[in-house]
Amino acid sequence: MRTNLRAGEELALVARRHWLVMGWPLAISLFLQGCFVAAWFVQRPWLLPAAAVLLGISTLWLIWRWADWRCDLWAVTSQRVIDEQGVLAVRVVDSPLDTIHNVTCTQTLLGRVMNYGTVKVQTAAEQGSTTIPHAAGPADVRESILELKERYRQGLQYRVTGVTGPAAADDTKECPFCAETIKTRATVCRFCGRSV
């Protein structure tokens, strides 16, 4: 992670795209390695150099995709969600925990089997949302963000009112459908999306 943490900020989770995003470059590189070995035994004057060039290009593509996978990450800290992208040029987007409204996790059948999916973080910021496509362990990412958001909210409430524990939780109730803690005045549960 290239972003420096702030004073008192703790890193809770670093998420990357699933390793399956490297599948095509790796498969093509392995196929072209086999073609190169076969061209060595065929001994045609033009076949071996052509296979070597294609293998070199596919290897460079594989290295680039690995570097892109390595540098494209999402970090969940005690204060914010950090989205880092870029190998040569870096783009960083911070989503403070107090501006996050909703976190959704979507998985296909293959995603459930291989444990990857899309996590969408909706915020009150101008950009509106951060999408984490093909994230490894998307349910863990979602739960980590929601847990740290709740801790941050409780810590902020303590700093403002000086009250913590049961007295601070008087303005909350339990959702009858998913048993998560929501605001007393809420009409829709932010966790399951049902009307309460």
N, C-alpha and C. Protein backbone atom coordinates (compact mmCIF):
# COMPACT_ATOMS: atom_id res chain seq x y z
N MET A 1 0.84 -1.18 0.00
CA MET A 1 0.00 0.00 0.00
C MET A 1 0.89 1.24 0.00
N ARG A 2 0.59 2.14 -0.92
CA ARG A 2 1.43 3.33 -1.06
C ARG A 2 0.92 4.53 -0.27
N THR A 3 -0.33 4.50 0.18
CA THR A 3 -0.91 5.60 0.95
C THR A 3 -0.43 5.51 2.39
N ASN A 4 0.03 6.64 2.93
CA ASN A 4 0.47 6.68 4.32
C ASN A 4 -0.74 6.79 5.24
N LEU A 5 -0.70 6.07 6.33
CA LEU A 5 -1.77 6.15 7.32
C LEU A 5 -1.63 7.41 8.15
N ARG A 6 -2.76 7.93 8.61
CA ARG A 6 -2.76 9.13 9.44
C ARG A 6 -2.43 8.75 10.88
N ALA A 7 -2.21 9.75 11.70
CA ALA A 7 -1.92 9.51 13.11
C ALA A 7 -3.12 8.86 13.78
N GLY A 8 -2.92 7.76 14.46
CA GLY A 8 -3.98 7.04 15.15
C GLY A 8 -4.82 6.15 14.25
N GLU A 9 -4.51 6.09 12.98
CA GLU A 9 -5.28 5.27 12.04
C GLU A 9 -4.68 3.87 11.98
N GLU A 10 -5.55 2.86 12.02
CA GLU A 10 -5.10 1.47 11.99
C GLU A 10 -5.61 0.78 10.74
N LEU A 11 -4.77 -0.04 10.13
CA LEU A 11 -5.14 -0.80 8.95
C LEU A 11 -5.85 -2.07 9.37
N ALA A 12 -7.07 -2.29 8.86
CA ALA A 12 -7.85 -3.46 9.24
C ALA A 12 -7.84 -4.54 8.16
N LEU A 13 -7.85 -4.14 6.89
CA LEU A 13 -7.98 -5.12 5.81
C LEU A 13 -7.45 -4.52 4.51
N VAL A 14 -6.73 -5.33 3.74
CA VAL A 14 -6.32 -4.96 2.39
C VAL A 14 -6.93 -5.97 1.44
N ALA A 15 -7.72 -5.49 0.48
CA ALA A 15 -8.40 -6.37 -0.48
C ALA A 15 -7.87 -6.10 -1.88
N ARG A 16 -7.72 -7.17 -2.63
CA ARG A 16 -7.33 -7.07 -4.03
C ARG A 16 -8.32 -7.84 -4.88
N ARG A 17 -8.22 -7.68 -6.19
CA ARG A 17 -9.03 -8.50 -7.08
C ARG A 17 -8.61 -9.95 -6.95
N HIS A 18 -9.51 -10.85 -7.25
CA HIS A 18 -9.24 -12.28 -7.17
C HIS A 18 -8.16 -12.67 -8.18
N TRP A 19 -7.41 -13.71 -7.88
CA TRP A 19 -6.32 -14.13 -8.77
C TRP A 19 -6.83 -14.61 -10.12
N LEU A 20 -8.13 -14.88 -10.26
CA LEU A 20 -8.68 -15.32 -11.55
C LEU A 20 -8.56 -14.26 -12.63
N VAL A 21 -8.39 -12.98 -12.25
CA VAL A 21 -8.22 -11.94 -13.27
C VAL A 21 -6.91 -12.13 -14.03
N MET A 22 -6.00 -12.94 -13.48
CA MET A 22 -4.73 -13.24 -14.15
C MET A 22 -4.85 -14.47 -15.06
N GLY A 23 -6.04 -15.08 -15.13
CA GLY A 23 -6.22 -16.34 -15.83
C GLY A 23 -5.87 -16.30 -17.31
N TRP A 24 -6.44 -15.34 -18.07
CA TRP A 24 -6.18 -15.30 -19.50
C TRP A 24 -4.72 -15.03 -19.83
N PRO A 25 -4.07 -14.02 -19.25
CA PRO A 25 -2.65 -13.83 -19.57
C PRO A 25 -1.79 -15.04 -19.24
N LEU A 26 -2.09 -15.70 -18.11
CA LEU A 26 -1.31 -16.88 -17.73
C LEU A 26 -1.56 -18.03 -18.69
N ALA A 27 -2.82 -18.26 -19.07
CA ALA A 27 -3.14 -19.35 -20.00
C ALA A 27 -2.50 -19.13 -21.36
N ILE A 28 -2.55 -17.91 -21.88
CA ILE A 28 -1.96 -17.62 -23.18
C ILE A 28 -0.44 -17.76 -23.12
N SER A 29 0.16 -17.31 -22.04
CA SER A 29 1.62 -17.44 -21.89
C SER A 29 2.04 -18.90 -21.83
N LEU A 30 1.30 -19.73 -21.11
CA LEU A 30 1.62 -21.16 -21.05
C LEU A 30 1.43 -21.83 -22.41
N PHE A 31 0.37 -21.45 -23.12
CA PHE A 31 0.14 -22.01 -24.45
C PHE A 31 1.28 -21.66 -25.40
N LEU A 32 1.73 -20.40 -25.36
CA LEU A 32 2.81 -19.97 -26.25
C LEU A 32 4.15 -20.58 -25.84
N GLN A 33 4.33 -20.90 -24.56
CA GLN A 33 5.54 -21.65 -24.17
C GLN A 33 5.54 -23.02 -24.82
N GLY A 34 4.38 -23.68 -24.83
CA GLY A 34 4.27 -24.97 -25.51
C GLY A 34 4.53 -24.85 -26.99
N CYS A 35 4.02 -23.77 -27.62
CA CYS A 35 4.27 -23.54 -29.05
C CYS A 35 5.76 -23.32 -29.31
N PHE A 36 6.43 -22.62 -28.41
CA PHE A 36 7.87 -22.37 -28.57
C PHE A 36 8.65 -23.68 -28.52
N VAL A 37 8.31 -24.54 -27.57
CA VAL A 37 8.98 -25.85 -27.46
C VAL A 37 8.70 -26.68 -28.70
N ALA A 38 7.46 -26.65 -29.19
CA ALA A 38 7.13 -27.41 -30.40
C ALA A 38 7.87 -26.86 -31.60
N ALA A 39 7.99 -25.54 -31.70
CA ALA A 39 8.72 -24.93 -32.82
C ALA A 39 10.20 -25.29 -32.78
N TRP A 40 10.73 -25.51 -31.60
CA TRP A 40 12.14 -25.91 -31.46
C TRP A 40 12.38 -27.27 -32.11
N PHE A 41 11.42 -28.18 -31.93
CA PHE A 41 11.57 -29.52 -32.49
C PHE A 41 11.22 -29.59 -33.99
N VAL A 42 10.34 -28.72 -34.46
CA VAL A 42 9.96 -28.73 -35.88
C VAL A 42 11.11 -28.22 -36.75
N GLN A 43 11.87 -27.27 -36.28
CA GLN A 43 13.06 -26.70 -36.92
C GLN A 43 12.75 -26.09 -38.29
N ARG A 44 11.74 -25.26 -38.33
CA ARG A 44 11.48 -24.44 -39.52
C ARG A 44 12.18 -23.10 -39.30
N PRO A 45 12.77 -22.51 -40.34
CA PRO A 45 13.56 -21.29 -40.13
C PRO A 45 12.77 -20.10 -39.62
N TRP A 46 11.50 -19.99 -39.93
CA TRP A 46 10.71 -18.82 -39.52
C TRP A 46 9.85 -19.09 -38.29
N LEU A 47 9.63 -20.34 -37.95
CA LEU A 47 8.68 -20.69 -36.89
C LEU A 47 9.23 -20.38 -35.50
N LEU A 48 10.49 -20.71 -35.25
CA LEU A 48 11.08 -20.47 -33.93
C LEU A 48 11.15 -18.99 -33.57
N PRO A 49 11.64 -18.11 -34.48
CA PRO A 49 11.63 -16.67 -34.13
C PRO A 49 10.23 -16.11 -33.91
N ALA A 50 9.25 -16.56 -34.71
CA ALA A 50 7.87 -16.06 -34.54
C ALA A 50 7.32 -16.49 -33.18
N ALA A 51 7.56 -17.76 -32.81
CA ALA A 51 7.10 -18.24 -31.50
C ALA A 51 7.80 -17.52 -30.37
N ALA A 52 9.09 -17.20 -30.55
CA ALA A 52 9.84 -16.48 -29.51
C ALA A 52 9.29 -15.06 -29.32
N VAL A 53 8.97 -14.39 -30.43
CA VAL A 53 8.42 -13.03 -30.33
C VAL A 53 7.06 -13.05 -29.63
N LEU A 54 6.19 -13.98 -30.03
CA LEU A 54 4.87 -14.07 -29.40
C LEU A 54 4.98 -14.42 -27.92
N LEU A 55 5.91 -15.31 -27.58
CA LEU A 55 6.12 -15.66 -26.18
C LEU A 55 6.63 -14.46 -25.39
N GLY A 56 7.54 -13.68 -25.98
CA GLY A 56 8.04 -12.47 -25.29
C GLY A 56 6.94 -11.45 -25.04
N ILE A 57 6.07 -11.25 -26.05
CA ILE A 57 4.96 -10.30 -25.90
C ILE A 57 3.99 -10.77 -24.82
N SER A 58 3.66 -12.07 -24.84
CA SER A 58 2.72 -12.58 -23.83
C SER A 58 3.32 -12.53 -22.43
N THR A 59 4.64 -12.74 -22.31
CA THR A 59 5.29 -12.65 -21.01
C THR A 59 5.26 -11.22 -20.48
N LEU A 60 5.50 -10.24 -21.36
CA LEU A 60 5.42 -8.83 -20.95
C LEU A 60 4.00 -8.47 -20.52
N TRP A 61 3.00 -8.99 -21.25
CA TRP A 61 1.60 -8.76 -20.89
C TRP A 61 1.29 -9.36 -19.53
N LEU A 62 1.79 -10.56 -19.28
CA LEU A 62 1.57 -11.22 -17.99
C LEU A 62 2.21 -10.42 -16.86
N ILE A 63 3.41 -9.92 -17.06
CA ILE A 63 4.10 -9.12 -16.03
C ILE A 63 3.32 -7.84 -15.76
N TRP A 64 2.83 -7.20 -16.84
CA TRP A 64 2.06 -5.96 -16.67
C TRP A 64 0.77 -6.21 -15.90
N ARG A 65 0.07 -7.29 -16.24
CA ARG A 65 -1.18 -7.61 -15.54
C ARG A 65 -0.92 -7.94 -14.07
N TRP A 66 0.21 -8.60 -13.78
CA TRP A 66 0.54 -8.89 -12.39
C TRP A 66 0.82 -7.60 -11.64
N ALA A 67 1.58 -6.67 -12.25
CA ALA A 67 1.88 -5.39 -11.60
C ALA A 67 0.59 -4.60 -11.38
N ASP A 68 -0.32 -4.64 -12.35
CA ASP A 68 -1.60 -3.95 -12.21
C ASP A 68 -2.42 -4.57 -11.08
N TRP A 69 -2.44 -5.91 -11.01
CA TRP A 69 -3.16 -6.60 -9.93
C TRP A 69 -2.55 -6.24 -8.57
N ARG A 70 -1.25 -6.18 -8.51
CA ARG A 70 -0.55 -5.89 -7.24
C ARG A 70 -0.81 -4.46 -6.76
N CYS A 71 -0.89 -3.51 -7.69
CA CYS A 71 -1.03 -2.10 -7.32
C CYS A 71 -2.48 -1.66 -7.16
N ASP A 72 -3.43 -2.45 -7.67
CA ASP A 72 -4.84 -2.11 -7.58
C ASP A 72 -5.42 -2.74 -6.32
N LEU A 73 -5.62 -1.93 -5.28
CA LEU A 73 -6.06 -2.47 -4.00
C LEU A 73 -7.03 -1.54 -3.30
N TRP A 74 -7.70 -2.11 -2.31
CA TRP A 74 -8.62 -1.36 -1.45
C TRP A 74 -8.23 -1.67 -0.01
N ALA A 75 -8.02 -0.63 0.76
CA ALA A 75 -7.63 -0.79 2.16
C ALA A 75 -8.74 -0.23 3.04
N VAL A 76 -9.10 -0.99 4.05
CA VAL A 76 -10.10 -0.56 5.02
C VAL A 76 -9.35 -0.24 6.31
N THR A 77 -9.46 1.01 6.76
CA THR A 77 -8.78 1.43 7.98
C THR A 77 -9.82 1.83 9.02
N SER A 78 -9.35 2.26 10.16
CA SER A 78 -10.26 2.67 11.23
C SER A 78 -10.93 4.01 10.95
N GLN A 79 -10.51 4.72 9.86
CA GLN A 79 -11.09 6.02 9.55
C GLN A 79 -11.67 6.13 8.14
N ARG A 80 -11.23 5.27 7.21
CA ARG A 80 -11.63 5.44 5.81
C ARG A 80 -11.44 4.17 5.01
N VAL A 81 -12.00 4.18 3.78
CA VAL A 81 -11.76 3.14 2.80
C VAL A 81 -10.91 3.79 1.70
N ILE A 82 -9.75 3.21 1.42
CA ILE A 82 -8.81 3.76 0.46
C ILE A 82 -8.85 2.91 -0.81
N ASP A 83 -9.03 3.55 -1.96
CA ASP A 83 -9.02 2.88 -3.27
C ASP A 83 -7.78 3.37 -4.01
N GLU A 84 -6.81 2.47 -4.22
CA GLU A 84 -5.57 2.79 -4.94
C GLU A 84 -5.55 2.08 -6.28
N GLN A 85 -5.18 2.81 -7.34
CA GLN A 85 -5.07 2.23 -8.67
C GLN A 85 -3.84 2.78 -9.36
N GLY A 86 -3.31 2.03 -10.31
CA GLY A 86 -2.25 2.53 -11.17
C GLY A 86 -0.89 1.93 -10.89
N VAL A 87 -0.19 1.60 -11.97
CA VAL A 87 1.17 1.06 -11.86
C VAL A 87 2.17 2.19 -11.93
N LEU A 88 2.12 2.99 -12.98
CA LEU A 88 3.06 4.10 -13.14
C LEU A 88 2.49 5.38 -12.55
N ALA A 89 1.27 5.73 -12.93
CA ALA A 89 0.59 6.87 -12.33
C ALA A 89 -0.36 6.31 -11.26
N VAL A 90 -0.46 7.01 -10.14
CA VAL A 90 -1.27 6.51 -9.03
C VAL A 90 -2.51 7.38 -8.86
N ARG A 91 -3.66 6.70 -8.68
CA ARG A 91 -4.93 7.38 -8.38
C ARG A 91 -5.42 6.84 -7.05
N VAL A 92 -5.68 7.74 -6.09
CA VAL A 92 -6.13 7.35 -4.76
C VAL A 92 -7.43 8.07 -4.45
N VAL A 93 -8.45 7.29 -4.02
CA VAL A 93 -9.73 7.85 -3.61
C VAL A 93 -10.00 7.43 -2.17
N ASP A 94 -10.25 8.40 -1.31
CA ASP A 94 -10.56 8.13 0.10
C ASP A 94 -12.07 8.28 0.31
N SER A 95 -12.66 7.33 1.01
CA SER A 95 -14.06 7.41 1.42
C SER A 95 -14.09 7.35 2.94
N PRO A 96 -14.25 8.48 3.62
CA PRO A 96 -14.31 8.46 5.09
C PRO A 96 -15.47 7.60 5.57
N LEU A 97 -15.27 6.91 6.68
CA LEU A 97 -16.30 6.00 7.20
C LEU A 97 -17.59 6.72 7.54
N ASP A 98 -17.52 7.98 7.96
CA ASP A 98 -18.75 8.68 8.34
C ASP A 98 -19.58 9.11 7.13
N THR A 99 -19.03 9.02 5.90
CA THR A 99 -19.81 9.37 4.70
C THR A 99 -20.38 8.14 4.00
N ILE A 100 -20.06 6.94 4.49
CA ILE A 100 -20.53 5.71 3.86
C ILE A 100 -21.97 5.45 4.29
N HIS A 101 -22.85 5.29 3.30
CA HIS A 101 -24.27 5.03 3.57
C HIS A 101 -24.60 3.56 3.48
N ASN A 102 -24.07 2.88 2.47
CA ASN A 102 -24.47 1.51 2.21
C ASN A 102 -23.30 0.74 1.59
N VAL A 103 -23.21 -0.54 1.90
CA VAL A 103 -22.21 -1.42 1.32
C VAL A 103 -22.93 -2.66 0.82
N THR A 104 -22.85 -2.92 -0.48
CA THR A 104 -23.50 -4.09 -1.05
C THR A 104 -22.47 -5.05 -1.62
N CYS A 105 -22.81 -6.32 -1.57
CA CYS A 105 -21.93 -7.39 -2.06
C CYS A 105 -22.72 -8.24 -3.04
N THR A 106 -22.20 -8.41 -4.26
CA THR A 106 -22.87 -9.21 -5.28
C THR A 106 -21.93 -10.32 -5.73
N GLN A 107 -22.44 -11.56 -5.74
CA GLN A 107 -21.65 -12.71 -6.17
C GLN A 107 -22.46 -13.56 -7.13
N THR A 108 -21.83 -13.98 -8.22
CA THR A 108 -22.44 -14.94 -9.13
C THR A 108 -22.26 -16.33 -8.53
N LEU A 109 -22.81 -17.35 -9.21
CA LEU A 109 -22.64 -18.72 -8.73
C LEU A 109 -21.16 -19.10 -8.72
N LEU A 110 -20.45 -18.80 -9.81
CA LEU A 110 -19.01 -19.09 -9.85
C LEU A 110 -18.27 -18.26 -8.81
N GLY A 111 -18.72 -17.02 -8.60
CA GLY A 111 -18.11 -16.17 -7.58
C GLY A 111 -18.27 -16.74 -6.18
N ARG A 112 -19.43 -17.36 -5.91
CA ARG A 112 -19.64 -17.98 -4.60
C ARG A 112 -18.74 -19.20 -4.42
N VAL A 113 -18.55 -19.95 -5.51
CA VAL A 113 -17.68 -21.13 -5.44
C VAL A 113 -16.22 -20.73 -5.27
N MET A 114 -15.78 -19.71 -6.03
CA MET A 114 -14.37 -19.29 -6.01
C MET A 114 -14.11 -18.17 -5.00
N ASN A 115 -15.14 -17.71 -4.29
CA ASN A 115 -15.04 -16.67 -3.27
C ASN A 115 -14.55 -15.33 -3.83
N TYR A 116 -15.25 -14.83 -4.85
CA TYR A 116 -15.01 -13.49 -5.35
C TYR A 116 -16.33 -12.85 -5.72
N GLY A 117 -16.34 -11.53 -5.82
CA GLY A 117 -17.57 -10.82 -6.16
C GLY A 117 -17.32 -9.33 -6.25
N THR A 118 -18.38 -8.58 -6.40
CA THR A 118 -18.31 -7.13 -6.52
C THR A 118 -18.83 -6.49 -5.25
N VAL A 119 -18.06 -5.57 -4.69
CA VAL A 119 -18.46 -4.83 -3.50
C VAL A 119 -18.65 -3.38 -3.92
N LYS A 120 -19.80 -2.82 -3.60
CA LYS A 120 -20.08 -1.42 -3.93
C LYS A 120 -20.28 -0.63 -2.65
N VAL A 121 -19.50 0.43 -2.49
CA VAL A 121 -19.56 1.29 -1.31
C VAL A 121 -20.20 2.61 -1.73
N GLN A 122 -21.42 2.88 -1.25
CA GLN A 122 -22.12 4.12 -1.57
C GLN A 122 -21.85 5.15 -0.49
N THR A 123 -21.41 6.34 -0.93
CA THR A 123 -21.06 7.39 0.01
C THR A 123 -21.85 8.66 -0.30
N ALA A 124 -21.71 9.61 0.61
CA ALA A 124 -22.34 10.93 0.41
C ALA A 124 -21.41 11.87 -0.34
N ALA A 125 -20.24 11.39 -0.74
CA ALA A 125 -19.27 12.23 -1.43
C ALA A 125 -19.73 12.53 -2.85
N GLU A 126 -19.02 13.44 -3.53
CA GLU A 126 -19.39 13.84 -4.88
C GLU A 126 -19.31 12.68 -5.86
N GLN A 127 -18.31 11.80 -5.71
CA GLN A 127 -18.19 10.66 -6.61
C GLN A 127 -19.34 9.68 -6.41
N GLY A 128 -19.93 9.64 -5.24
CA GLY A 128 -21.10 8.83 -4.99
C GLY A 128 -20.83 7.41 -4.55
N SER A 129 -19.95 6.69 -5.24
CA SER A 129 -19.72 5.30 -4.85
C SER A 129 -18.36 4.83 -5.33
N THR A 130 -17.87 3.80 -4.66
CA THR A 130 -16.66 3.11 -5.05
C THR A 130 -17.02 1.66 -5.31
N THR A 131 -16.63 1.14 -6.47
CA THR A 131 -16.93 -0.23 -6.82
C THR A 131 -15.66 -1.04 -6.83
N ILE A 132 -15.69 -2.19 -6.17
CA ILE A 132 -14.55 -3.10 -6.10
C ILE A 132 -14.94 -4.34 -6.91
N PRO A 133 -14.55 -4.40 -8.20
CA PRO A 133 -14.93 -5.55 -9.02
C PRO A 133 -14.02 -6.75 -8.77
N HIS A 134 -14.58 -7.94 -8.85
CA HIS A 134 -13.82 -9.20 -8.71
C HIS A 134 -13.00 -9.24 -7.42
N ALA A 135 -13.54 -8.69 -6.34
CA ALA A 135 -12.81 -8.66 -5.06
C ALA A 135 -12.74 -10.06 -4.46
N ALA A 136 -11.58 -10.41 -3.94
CA ALA A 136 -11.42 -11.68 -3.23
C ALA A 136 -12.02 -11.53 -1.84
N GLY A 137 -12.86 -12.48 -1.44
CA GLY A 137 -13.51 -12.44 -0.13
C GLY A 137 -14.42 -11.25 0.04
N PRO A 138 -15.40 -11.03 -0.86
CA PRO A 138 -16.22 -9.82 -0.79
C PRO A 138 -17.06 -9.71 0.48
N ALA A 139 -17.51 -10.82 1.02
CA ALA A 139 -18.31 -10.76 2.25
C ALA A 139 -17.46 -10.26 3.42
N ASP A 140 -16.20 -10.68 3.47
CA ASP A 140 -15.30 -10.20 4.53
C ASP A 140 -15.04 -8.70 4.39
N VAL A 141 -14.88 -8.23 3.14
CA VAL A 141 -14.67 -6.80 2.90
C VAL A 141 -15.88 -6.01 3.38
N ARG A 142 -17.08 -6.47 3.00
CA ARG A 142 -18.32 -5.78 3.40
C ARG A 142 -18.46 -5.74 4.92
N GLU A 143 -18.29 -6.89 5.57
CA GLU A 143 -18.44 -6.94 7.02
C GLU A 143 -17.40 -6.07 7.73
N SER A 144 -16.19 -6.06 7.21
CA SER A 144 -15.14 -5.24 7.82
C SER A 144 -15.48 -3.76 7.73
N ILE A 145 -15.97 -3.32 6.56
CA ILE A 145 -16.34 -1.91 6.40
C ILE A 145 -17.48 -1.54 7.34
N LEU A 146 -18.52 -2.37 7.40
CA LEU A 146 -19.66 -2.06 8.25
C LEU A 146 -19.30 -2.07 9.73
N GLU A 147 -18.46 -3.03 10.13
CA GLU A 147 -18.04 -3.09 11.54
C GLU A 147 -17.22 -1.86 11.93
N LEU A 148 -16.27 -1.48 11.08
CA LEU A 148 -15.45 -0.31 11.39
C LEU A 148 -16.26 0.98 11.32
N LYS A 149 -17.23 1.04 10.43
CA LYS A 149 -18.11 2.21 10.37
C LYS A 149 -18.88 2.36 11.67
N GLU A 150 -19.40 1.24 12.19
CA GLU A 150 -20.15 1.28 13.44
C GLU A 150 -19.24 1.68 14.61
N ARG A 151 -18.04 1.13 14.65
CA ARG A 151 -17.09 1.52 15.70
C ARG A 151 -16.75 3.00 15.61
N TYR A 152 -16.55 3.48 14.38
CA TYR A 152 -16.23 4.89 14.18
C TYR A 152 -17.38 5.77 14.64
N ARG A 153 -18.62 5.37 14.30
CA ARG A 153 -19.80 6.14 14.71
C ARG A 153 -19.92 6.19 16.22
N GLN A 154 -19.71 5.05 16.89
CA GLN A 154 -19.79 5.02 18.35
C GLN A 154 -18.69 5.86 18.99
N GLY A 155 -17.48 5.80 18.41
CA GLY A 155 -16.39 6.62 18.93
C GLY A 155 -16.65 8.10 18.74
N LEU A 156 -17.22 8.47 17.59
CA LEU A 156 -17.56 9.85 17.32
C LEU A 156 -18.67 10.32 18.24
N GLN A 157 -19.66 9.47 18.49
CA GLN A 157 -20.75 9.82 19.39
C GLN A 157 -20.22 10.04 20.81
N TYR A 158 -19.26 9.21 21.22
CA TYR A 158 -18.67 9.37 22.55
C TYR A 158 -17.94 10.69 22.65
N ARG A 159 -17.21 11.07 21.57
CA ARG A 159 -16.46 12.32 21.61
C ARG A 159 -17.39 13.53 21.65
N VAL A 160 -18.54 13.43 21.00
CA VAL A 160 -19.47 14.56 20.95
C VAL A 160 -20.27 14.67 22.24
N THR A 161 -20.84 13.54 22.71
CA THR A 161 -21.73 13.59 23.87
C THR A 161 -21.05 13.19 25.17
N GLY A 162 -19.94 12.45 25.08
CA GLY A 162 -19.28 11.94 26.27
C GLY A 162 -19.98 10.74 26.86
N VAL A 163 -20.95 10.17 26.12
CA VAL A 163 -21.72 9.03 26.60
C VAL A 163 -21.41 7.83 25.73
N THR A 164 -21.26 6.69 26.35
CA THR A 164 -21.05 5.45 25.60
C THR A 164 -21.86 4.34 26.23
N GLY A 165 -21.91 3.21 25.59
CA GLY A 165 -22.63 2.06 26.14
C GLY A 165 -24.13 2.16 25.92
N PRO A 166 -24.94 1.64 26.88
CA PRO A 166 -26.39 1.57 26.69
C PRO A 166 -27.05 2.93 26.51
N ALA A 167 -26.55 3.93 27.19
CA ALA A 167 -27.16 5.26 27.08
C ALA A 167 -26.98 5.82 25.68
N ALA A 168 -25.86 5.50 25.02
CA ALA A 168 -25.62 5.99 23.67
C ALA A 168 -26.43 5.22 22.65
N ALA A 169 -26.87 4.03 22.99
CA ALA A 169 -27.59 3.18 22.04
C ALA A 169 -29.09 3.33 22.15
N ASP A 170 -29.61 4.31 22.93
CA ASP A 170 -31.04 4.49 23.10
C ASP A 170 -31.74 4.86 21.80
N ASP A 171 -31.04 5.48 20.86
CA ASP A 171 -31.67 5.87 19.61
C ASP A 171 -31.58 4.79 18.54
N THR A 172 -31.36 3.53 18.96
CA THR A 172 -31.28 2.43 18.01
C THR A 172 -32.28 1.34 18.37
N LYS A 173 -32.57 0.51 17.37
CA LYS A 173 -33.43 -0.64 17.58
C LYS A 173 -32.91 -1.78 16.72
N GLU A 174 -33.46 -2.96 16.92
CA GLU A 174 -33.03 -4.13 16.16
C GLU A 174 -33.98 -4.35 15.00
N CYS A 175 -33.43 -4.58 13.80
CA CYS A 175 -34.26 -4.88 12.63
C CYS A 175 -34.94 -6.24 12.84
N PRO A 176 -36.26 -6.33 12.66
CA PRO A 176 -36.95 -7.60 12.88
C PRO A 176 -36.63 -8.67 11.83
N PHE A 177 -36.03 -8.27 10.70
CA PHE A 177 -35.75 -9.22 9.62
C PHE A 177 -34.33 -9.77 9.67
N CYS A 178 -33.35 -8.90 9.93
CA CYS A 178 -31.95 -9.37 9.90
C CYS A 178 -31.25 -9.24 11.24
N ALA A 179 -31.89 -8.69 12.25
CA ALA A 179 -31.37 -8.56 13.61
C ALA A 179 -30.17 -7.63 13.73
N GLU A 180 -29.96 -6.76 12.74
CA GLU A 180 -28.89 -5.77 12.83
C GLU A 180 -29.39 -4.53 13.57
N THR A 181 -28.49 -3.76 14.15
CA THR A 181 -28.87 -2.55 14.89
C THR A 181 -29.03 -1.40 13.91
N ILE A 182 -30.20 -0.74 13.96
CA ILE A 182 -30.49 0.40 13.09
C ILE A 182 -31.03 1.55 13.94
N LYS A 183 -31.16 2.72 13.36
CA LYS A 183 -31.69 3.88 14.06
C LYS A 183 -33.19 3.68 14.35
N THR A 184 -33.63 4.24 15.44
CA THR A 184 -35.04 4.12 15.83
C THR A 184 -35.95 4.77 14.79
N ARG A 185 -35.52 5.90 14.23
CA ARG A 185 -36.33 6.62 13.26
C ARG A 185 -36.23 6.04 11.85
N ALA A 186 -35.41 5.02 11.64
CA ALA A 186 -35.24 4.45 10.30
C ALA A 186 -36.52 3.77 9.82
N THR A 187 -36.82 3.96 8.54
CA THR A 187 -37.98 3.29 7.95
C THR A 187 -37.56 2.14 7.05
N VAL A 188 -36.28 2.14 6.65
CA VAL A 188 -35.72 1.06 5.83
C VAL A 188 -34.41 0.61 6.46
N CYS A 189 -34.25 -0.69 6.61
CA CYS A 189 -33.01 -1.22 7.19
C CYS A 189 -31.87 -1.06 6.21
N ARG A 190 -30.74 -0.50 6.65
CA ARG A 190 -29.59 -0.28 5.77
C ARG A 190 -28.84 -1.57 5.48
N PHE A 191 -29.12 -2.63 6.21
CA PHE A 191 -28.43 -3.90 6.01
C PHE A 191 -29.18 -4.81 5.05
N CYS A 192 -30.48 -5.02 5.29
CA CYS A 192 -31.24 -5.94 4.45
C CYS A 192 -32.13 -5.22 3.43
N GLY A 193 -32.33 -3.91 3.59
CA GLY A 193 -33.10 -3.13 2.64
C GLY A 193 -34.60 -3.24 2.78
N ARG A 194 -35.11 -3.88 3.81
CA ARG A 194 -36.55 -4.04 4.00
C ARG A 194 -37.14 -2.88 4.80
N SER A 195 -38.40 -2.63 4.59
CA SER A 195 -39.11 -1.59 5.34
C SER A 195 -39.40 -2.11 6.75
N VAL A 196 -39.14 -1.25 7.75
CA VAL A 196 -39.38 -1.64 9.14
C VAL A 196 -40.40 -0.71 9.78
